[in-house]
């Protein structure tokens, strides 16, 4: 069993002022892939480095497989880590890079050769074993870094933004390869990223961090469809969730003087923020009743879809429509948000209203 249990972890750097990590508790099940998602400076890498033993927590405990490893040095934790930079040795061949950790463990040469061949096969590096890093592409070097980590057969695999140095096409390709690899291995994995697409596509669970805390954790689509706060909704998604100032009045929502139907479950009244995703809004050209009357301010064809920045009174929102939807800047459109896909937030706290 390689369950990771984090309890009350805290870390403040000298002269840093506010804590980098504040009272974080989380559990990663055996074989699970947990993605830590958040903006730069939110504490996700610090949390990962504490699990790895590269940083010492000021408070809290870390357990792996039930054993307390909080004060153990990194070499006694049986973890492997893949960094944002490839961190491969330029003077060593691919085979020597992959087998470096095993050599440091004084493993027998036949064992090293066997495991290097196994890892190279998984990462499609068999034909590159005699090359040096300077002879490899960025994607190939990143595969070497991953192979070097998995060849150690760690209890837990830690990954700190491993795709961020790749260009867009390589990132898309390698992300799919990495997901299949981690699924096949079944190794417990904690993966850090600021890219919400990576988080949604890779993670079995996503933990969103902000200012040193985990502010929401759950299945990717659960966090995406039902953000617990304005921060989560605004950070997760491309484009981010729209938030419209509104008044909830009985069975209706009044936005910029226009009234649309509210879901039956919405009981509070008064000033609220209505959260709605761009792809959950139906757009129609022209004018009419029972919808928000808007003006297309910006039209962005994306190939597979078209993104419209619409103006409702003095408020802007993003609307995603099919690529063949005919619309031009300045056109009048009607917008119908799906009632079952809207969320309600307190404008003072930014927290969801249940």
Protein backbone atom coordinates (compact mmCIF):
# COMPACT_ATOMS: atom_id res chain seq x y z
CA UNK A 1 0.00 0.00 0.00
CA UNK A 2 1.33 3.46 -0.93
CA UNK A 3 -1.44 5.71 0.39
CA UNK A 4 -0.18 9.23 1.12
CA UNK A 5 -1.72 10.91 4.14
CA UNK A 6 -0.93 14.58 4.82
CA UNK A 7 -2.15 16.08 8.08
CA UNK A 8 -1.94 19.76 9.07
CA UNK A 9 1.16 20.61 7.02
CA UNK A 10 2.46 24.14 7.44
CA UNK A 11 5.47 25.94 6.03
CA UNK A 12 6.65 29.54 6.32
CA UNK A 13 9.91 30.64 4.72
CA UNK A 14 12.17 33.00 6.69
CA UNK A 15 11.25 36.58 5.83
CA UNK A 16 8.33 35.33 3.75
CA UNK A 17 5.58 36.87 5.84
CA UNK A 18 2.48 34.79 5.19
CA UNK A 19 2.77 30.98 5.23
CA UNK A 20 3.57 29.25 1.93
CA UNK A 21 1.45 26.29 3.06
CA UNK A 22 -1.27 26.63 5.72
CA UNK A 23 -2.74 23.66 7.60
CA UNK A 24 -3.06 21.44 4.53
CA UNK A 25 -4.58 17.99 5.01
CA UNK A 26 -5.20 15.55 2.18
CA UNK A 27 -5.16 11.86 1.37
CA UNK A 28 -3.98 10.29 -1.89
CA UNK A 29 -5.29 6.74 -2.22
CA UNK A 30 -3.03 3.88 -3.25
CA UNK A 31 -2.64 4.03 -7.03
CA UNK A 32 -4.46 7.36 -7.35
CA UNK A 33 -3.30 10.34 -9.44
CA UNK A 34 -3.97 13.58 -7.55
CA UNK A 35 -3.35 16.87 -9.35
CA UNK A 36 -2.46 19.96 -7.31
CA UNK A 37 -3.69 22.92 -9.34
CA UNK A 38 -3.24 26.60 -8.65
CA UNK A 39 -1.58 29.87 -9.70
CA UNK A 40 2.11 30.62 -9.20
CA UNK A 41 2.94 31.18 -5.54
CA UNK A 42 -0.06 29.28 -4.16
CA UNK A 43 2.10 26.69 -2.34
CA UNK A 44 1.65 23.64 -4.56
CA UNK A 45 5.36 23.10 -5.28
CA UNK A 46 6.27 23.70 -1.63
CA UNK A 47 3.73 21.02 -0.64
CA UNK A 48 5.22 18.61 -3.19
CA UNK A 49 8.77 19.30 -1.97
CA UNK A 50 7.71 18.58 1.62
CA UNK A 51 6.33 15.20 0.54
CA UNK A 52 9.66 14.55 -1.23
CA UNK A 53 11.66 15.54 1.83
CA UNK A 54 13.34 18.48 0.08
CA UNK A 55 11.65 20.91 2.48
CA UNK A 56 10.95 20.41 6.19
CA UNK A 57 7.45 21.32 7.43
CA UNK A 58 7.05 23.65 10.38
CA UNK A 59 4.11 21.55 11.57
CA UNK A 60 2.10 18.53 10.52
CA UNK A 61 2.83 14.95 9.47
CA UNK A 62 3.33 12.98 6.26
CA UNK A 63 2.57 9.26 6.13
CA UNK A 64 3.12 6.85 3.26
CA UNK A 65 1.64 3.39 3.57
CA UNK A 66 0.87 4.17 7.21
CA UNK A 67 4.50 4.93 8.10
CA UNK A 68 5.39 8.39 9.40
CA UNK A 69 8.09 9.74 7.07
CA UNK A 70 7.90 13.41 8.12
CA UNK A 71 11.49 13.53 9.38
CA UNK A 72 13.07 10.94 7.09
CA UNK A 73 15.63 12.11 4.52
CA UNK A 74 14.61 11.85 0.85
CA UNK A 75 16.69 8.72 0.21
CA UNK A 76 14.66 6.79 2.80
CA UNK A 77 11.22 7.64 1.38
CA UNK A 78 11.28 5.49 -1.79
CA UNK A 79 9.92 8.34 -3.89
CA UNK A 80 10.83 9.53 -7.38
CA UNK A 81 10.42 13.08 -8.61
CA UNK A 82 10.20 14.57 -12.11
CA UNK A 83 11.05 18.27 -12.25
CA UNK A 84 9.93 21.08 -14.52
CA UNK A 85 13.43 21.25 -16.01
CA UNK A 86 14.47 17.94 -17.51
CA UNK A 87 17.52 17.72 -15.18
CA UNK A 88 19.21 15.09 -17.32
CA UNK A 89 23.00 14.73 -17.25
CA UNK A 90 24.40 16.14 -20.52
CA UNK A 91 27.57 14.01 -20.35
CA UNK A 92 25.68 10.71 -19.92
CA UNK A 93 23.84 8.70 -22.54
CA UNK A 94 20.10 8.10 -22.37
CA UNK A 95 20.74 4.61 -20.92
CA UNK A 96 23.11 6.00 -18.29
CA UNK A 97 20.64 8.75 -17.36
CA UNK A 98 17.79 6.27 -16.94
CA UNK A 99 19.89 3.87 -14.88
CA UNK A 100 21.61 6.54 -12.76
CA UNK A 101 19.50 6.03 -9.63
CA UNK A 102 19.92 2.26 -9.80
CA UNK A 103 23.68 2.69 -10.13
CA UNK A 104 23.68 4.91 -7.03
CA UNK A 105 21.88 2.10 -5.21
CA UNK A 106 24.71 -0.25 -6.24
CA UNK A 107 22.31 -2.46 -8.20
CA UNK A 108 23.88 -5.27 -10.20
CA UNK A 109 24.69 -4.48 -13.83
CA UNK A 110 22.27 -7.11 -15.26
CA UNK A 111 19.46 -5.65 -13.11
CA UNK A 112 20.23 -2.12 -14.30
CA UNK A 113 20.28 -3.19 -17.95
CA UNK A 114 17.02 -5.10 -17.58
CA UNK A 115 15.15 -2.25 -15.87
CA UNK A 116 16.55 0.38 -18.23
CA UNK A 117 15.33 -1.69 -21.18
CA UNK A 118 11.90 -2.04 -19.52
CA UNK A 119 11.53 1.70 -18.84
CA UNK A 120 12.86 2.64 -22.28
CA UNK A 121 10.26 0.36 -23.85
CA UNK A 122 7.43 2.03 -21.94
CA UNK A 123 8.60 5.51 -22.99
CA UNK A 124 9.52 4.58 -26.58
CA UNK A 125 13.22 5.30 -26.07
CA UNK A 126 14.67 1.94 -27.20
CA UNK A 127 16.34 3.41 -30.29
CA UNK A 128 17.81 6.37 -28.39
CA UNK A 129 19.68 4.63 -25.56
CA UNK A 130 23.14 5.44 -26.95
CA UNK A 131 22.40 9.10 -27.65
CA UNK A 132 23.25 12.10 -25.47
CA UNK A 133 20.67 14.69 -24.32
CA UNK A 134 21.96 17.30 -26.80
CA UNK A 135 20.90 14.94 -29.59
CA UNK A 136 17.30 14.73 -28.30
CA UNK A 137 14.21 16.89 -28.70
CA UNK A 138 12.55 18.46 -25.67
CA UNK A 139 9.85 15.79 -25.64
CA UNK A 140 12.43 13.01 -25.78
CA UNK A 141 14.42 14.53 -22.90
CA UNK A 142 11.27 14.74 -20.81
CA UNK A 143 10.58 11.07 -21.52
CA UNK A 144 14.11 10.29 -20.32
CA UNK A 145 13.37 12.14 -17.07
CA UNK A 146 10.14 10.16 -16.58
CA UNK A 147 11.90 6.86 -17.39
CA UNK A 148 14.61 7.66 -14.83
CA UNK A 149 11.88 8.17 -12.21
CA UNK A 150 9.80 5.06 -12.89
CA UNK A 151 12.78 2.73 -13.22
CA UNK A 152 13.27 3.09 -9.46
CA UNK A 153 9.81 1.52 -8.92
CA UNK A 154 8.90 4.14 -6.30
CA UNK A 155 6.03 3.89 -3.86
CA UNK A 156 5.00 7.41 -4.90
CA UNK A 157 5.78 9.38 -8.05
CA UNK A 158 5.96 13.17 -7.71
CA UNK A 159 5.75 15.41 -10.80
CA UNK A 160 6.35 19.17 -10.73
CA UNK A 161 4.97 20.74 -13.93
CA UNK A 162 6.76 18.21 -16.17
CA UNK A 163 5.12 19.43 -19.41
CA UNK A 164 5.50 23.17 -19.02
CA UNK A 165 8.74 23.39 -21.04
CA UNK A 166 7.22 21.65 -24.07
CA UNK A 167 5.56 23.45 -26.95
CA UNK A 168 1.78 23.19 -27.36
CA UNK A 169 1.73 20.26 -29.80
CA UNK A 170 4.29 18.20 -27.85
CA UNK A 171 2.45 18.93 -24.61
CA UNK A 172 -0.79 17.61 -26.08
CA UNK A 173 0.90 14.46 -27.41
CA UNK A 174 2.96 13.72 -24.32
CA UNK A 175 0.01 14.36 -21.98
CA UNK A 176 -1.91 11.48 -23.56
CA UNK A 177 1.17 9.23 -23.40
CA UNK A 178 1.76 10.13 -19.77
CA UNK A 179 -1.84 9.42 -18.78
CA UNK A 180 -1.71 5.96 -20.33
CA UNK A 181 1.67 5.24 -18.74
CA UNK A 182 0.54 6.23 -15.24
CA UNK A 183 -2.66 4.23 -15.64
CA UNK A 184 -0.71 1.14 -16.72
CA UNK A 185 1.82 1.48 -13.87
CA UNK A 186 -0.80 2.06 -11.16
CA UNK A 187 1.71 4.04 -9.10
CA UNK A 188 0.44 6.58 -6.58
CA UNK A 189 1.16 9.98 -8.12
CA UNK A 190 0.99 13.62 -7.02
CA UNK A 191 1.17 15.95 -10.01
CA UNK A 192 1.61 19.74 -9.79
CA UNK A 193 0.46 22.10 -12.54
CA UNK A 194 -0.94 25.57 -13.15
CA UNK A 195 -2.55 24.40 -16.42
CA UNK A 196 -6.25 23.61 -15.92
CA UNK A 197 -6.42 21.55 -19.13
CA UNK A 198 -3.69 19.26 -17.77
CA UNK A 199 -5.47 19.03 -14.44
CA UNK A 200 -8.83 18.11 -15.95
CA UNK A 201 -7.43 15.62 -18.45
CA UNK A 202 -4.91 13.84 -16.19
CA UNK A 203 -6.25 13.82 -12.66
CA UNK A 204 -8.49 11.27 -11.01
CA UNK A 205 -8.95 14.01 -8.43
CA UNK A 206 -8.05 17.70 -8.57
CA UNK A 207 -7.11 19.75 -5.51
CA UNK A 208 -7.25 23.49 -6.20
CA UNK A 209 -4.86 25.56 -4.08
CA UNK A 210 -4.84 29.27 -3.29
CA UNK A 211 -2.70 31.20 -0.81
CA UNK A 212 -1.28 28.04 0.74
CA UNK A 213 -4.58 26.21 1.23
CA UNK A 214 -6.56 23.56 -0.61
CA UNK A 215 -9.79 25.42 -1.34
CA UNK A 216 -11.61 22.60 -3.16
CA UNK A 217 -10.88 18.97 -4.04
CA UNK A 218 -12.89 16.46 -6.01
CA UNK A 219 -13.30 14.68 -9.33
CA UNK A 220 -12.26 16.96 -12.23
CA UNK A 221 -15.74 17.43 -13.70
CA UNK A 222 -17.25 17.89 -10.25
CA UNK A 223 -14.87 20.77 -9.51
CA UNK A 224 -15.38 22.20 -13.00
CA UNK A 225 -19.19 22.04 -12.96
CA UNK A 226 -19.70 23.09 -9.34
CA UNK A 227 -16.92 25.44 -8.20
CA UNK A 228 -17.03 26.07 -4.47
CA UNK A 229 -16.00 29.69 -4.88
CA UNK A 230 -15.56 32.51 -7.35
CA UNK A 231 -11.80 31.87 -7.21
CA UNK A 232 -12.14 28.23 -8.29
CA UNK A 233 -14.64 29.04 -11.04
CA UNK A 234 -12.49 31.89 -12.30
CA UNK A 235 -9.28 29.86 -12.29
CA UNK A 236 -10.53 26.55 -13.65
CA UNK A 237 -11.67 26.59 -17.25
CA UNK A 238 -10.74 28.26 -20.51
CA UNK A 239 -12.47 30.64 -20.77
CA UNK A 240 -13.11 30.96 -17.02
CA UNK A 241 -16.61 30.91 -15.59
CA UNK A 242 -18.68 34.06 -16.09
CA UNK A 243 -19.88 35.85 -12.95
CA UNK A 244 -22.81 38.23 -13.37
CA UNK A 245 -24.08 40.64 -10.74
CA UNK A 246 -27.78 39.95 -10.32
CA UNK A 247 -30.78 40.21 -8.03
CA UNK A 248 -32.63 37.03 -7.13
CA UNK A 249 -36.30 37.95 -6.89
CA UNK A 250 -38.75 35.14 -6.23
CA UNK A 251 -38.58 32.73 -9.16
CA UNK A 252 -36.60 35.09 -11.37
CA UNK A 253 -33.08 36.42 -11.85
CA UNK A 254 -32.76 40.10 -12.73
CA UNK A 255 -29.55 40.98 -14.59
CA UNK A 256 -29.11 44.55 -15.83
CA UNK A 257 -32.88 45.08 -15.61
CA UNK A 258 -33.65 41.93 -17.60
CA UNK A 259 -35.47 39.02 -16.01
CA UNK A 260 -34.89 35.34 -16.71
CA UNK A 261 -36.18 32.24 -14.91
CA UNK A 262 -34.30 30.97 -11.85
CA UNK A 263 -33.91 27.27 -11.00
CA UNK A 264 -36.66 26.14 -8.56
CA UNK A 265 -34.07 25.27 -5.89
CA UNK A 266 -32.84 28.87 -5.56
CA UNK A 267 -34.52 30.24 -2.46
CA UNK A 268 -32.40 33.21 -1.28
CA UNK A 269 -33.29 36.69 -2.45
CA UNK A 270 -31.27 39.86 -2.86
CA UNK A 271 -27.90 40.63 -4.43
CA UNK A 272 -26.03 37.58 -5.77
CA UNK A 273 -23.41 36.54 -8.28
CA UNK A 274 -24.59 34.10 -10.93
CA UNK A 275 -21.86 31.81 -12.26
CA UNK A 276 -22.31 30.27 -15.71
CA UNK A 277 -19.88 28.55 -18.07
CA UNK A 278 -19.47 29.85 -21.63
CA UNK A 279 -20.49 26.54 -23.21
CA UNK A 280 -23.72 26.29 -21.19
CA UNK A 281 -25.24 29.41 -22.75
CA UNK A 282 -27.40 29.11 -25.86
CA UNK A 283 -27.13 32.05 -28.26
CA UNK A 284 -29.72 33.15 -30.82
CA UNK A 285 -29.53 36.06 -33.21
CA UNK A 286 -32.00 38.95 -33.08
CA UNK A 287 -34.22 40.07 -30.24
CA UNK A 288 -37.02 38.41 -28.28
CA UNK A 289 -38.49 37.61 -24.86
CA UNK A 290 -37.31 35.26 -22.09
CA UNK A 291 -33.60 35.70 -22.73
CA UNK A 292 -30.83 38.18 -21.98
CA UNK A 293 -30.58 40.79 -24.71
CA UNK A 294 -26.91 41.34 -25.54
CA UNK A 295 -24.53 42.77 -28.10
CA UNK A 296 -21.61 40.86 -29.63
CA UNK A 297 -18.59 42.97 -28.72
CA UNK A 298 -15.82 40.58 -29.88
CA UNK A 299 -16.09 37.48 -32.09
CA UNK A 300 -13.19 34.96 -32.00
CA UNK A 301 -13.34 32.00 -34.40
CA UNK A 302 -11.41 29.10 -32.79
CA UNK A 303 -11.88 26.50 -35.50
CA UNK A 304 -13.89 23.95 -33.55
CA UNK A 305 -16.06 26.67 -31.97
CA UNK A 306 -16.55 30.43 -31.86
CA UNK A 307 -16.03 32.47 -28.70
CA UNK A 308 -18.17 35.59 -28.32
CA UNK A 309 -17.54 38.36 -25.82
CA UNK A 310 -21.05 39.69 -25.24
CA UNK A 311 -22.19 42.86 -23.51
CA UNK A 312 -25.31 42.65 -21.32
CA UNK A 313 -25.93 46.18 -20.13
CA UNK A 314 -22.63 47.08 -18.48
CA UNK A 315 -21.49 43.49 -17.88
CA UNK A 316 -19.37 41.30 -20.15
CA UNK A 317 -19.51 37.54 -20.46
CA UNK A 318 -18.01 34.85 -22.69
CA UNK A 319 -20.28 32.64 -24.79
CA UNK A 320 -19.09 29.60 -26.74
CA UNK A 321 -21.15 28.71 -29.82
CA UNK A 322 -20.75 26.20 -32.69
CA UNK A 323 -18.25 27.17 -35.38
CA UNK A 324 -21.00 27.57 -37.98
CA UNK A 325 -22.98 30.07 -35.86
CA UNK A 326 -23.19 33.22 -37.98
CA UNK A 327 -22.42 36.30 -35.91
CA UNK A 328 -20.55 39.57 -36.45
CA UNK A 329 -19.27 42.27 -34.12
CA UNK A 330 -22.10 44.59 -33.17
CA UNK A 331 -24.91 42.07 -33.81
CA UNK A 332 -27.76 41.81 -31.30
CA UNK A 333 -28.11 38.35 -29.77
CA UNK A 334 -30.29 36.58 -27.20
CA UNK A 335 -28.57 34.53 -24.50
CA UNK A 336 -30.24 31.69 -22.61
CA UNK A 337 -28.13 30.23 -19.77
CA UNK A 338 -29.06 26.66 -18.86
CA UNK A 339 -30.75 26.87 -15.42
CA UNK A 340 -29.37 23.47 -14.36
CA UNK A 341 -25.79 24.59 -15.08
CA UNK A 342 -25.84 27.89 -13.19
CA UNK A 343 -24.24 28.40 -9.77
CA UNK A 344 -25.05 31.00 -7.12
CA UNK A 345 -22.40 32.88 -5.10
CA UNK A 346 -22.38 35.32 -2.22
CA UNK A 347 -20.93 38.62 -3.59
CA UNK A 348 -19.36 39.41 -0.21
CA UNK A 349 -17.50 36.16 0.45
CA UNK A 350 -17.27 34.71 -3.04
CA UNK A 351 -18.46 31.35 -1.67
CA UNK A 352 -21.11 29.22 -3.29
CA UNK A 353 -24.62 29.51 -1.85
CA UNK A 354 -25.99 26.03 -1.35
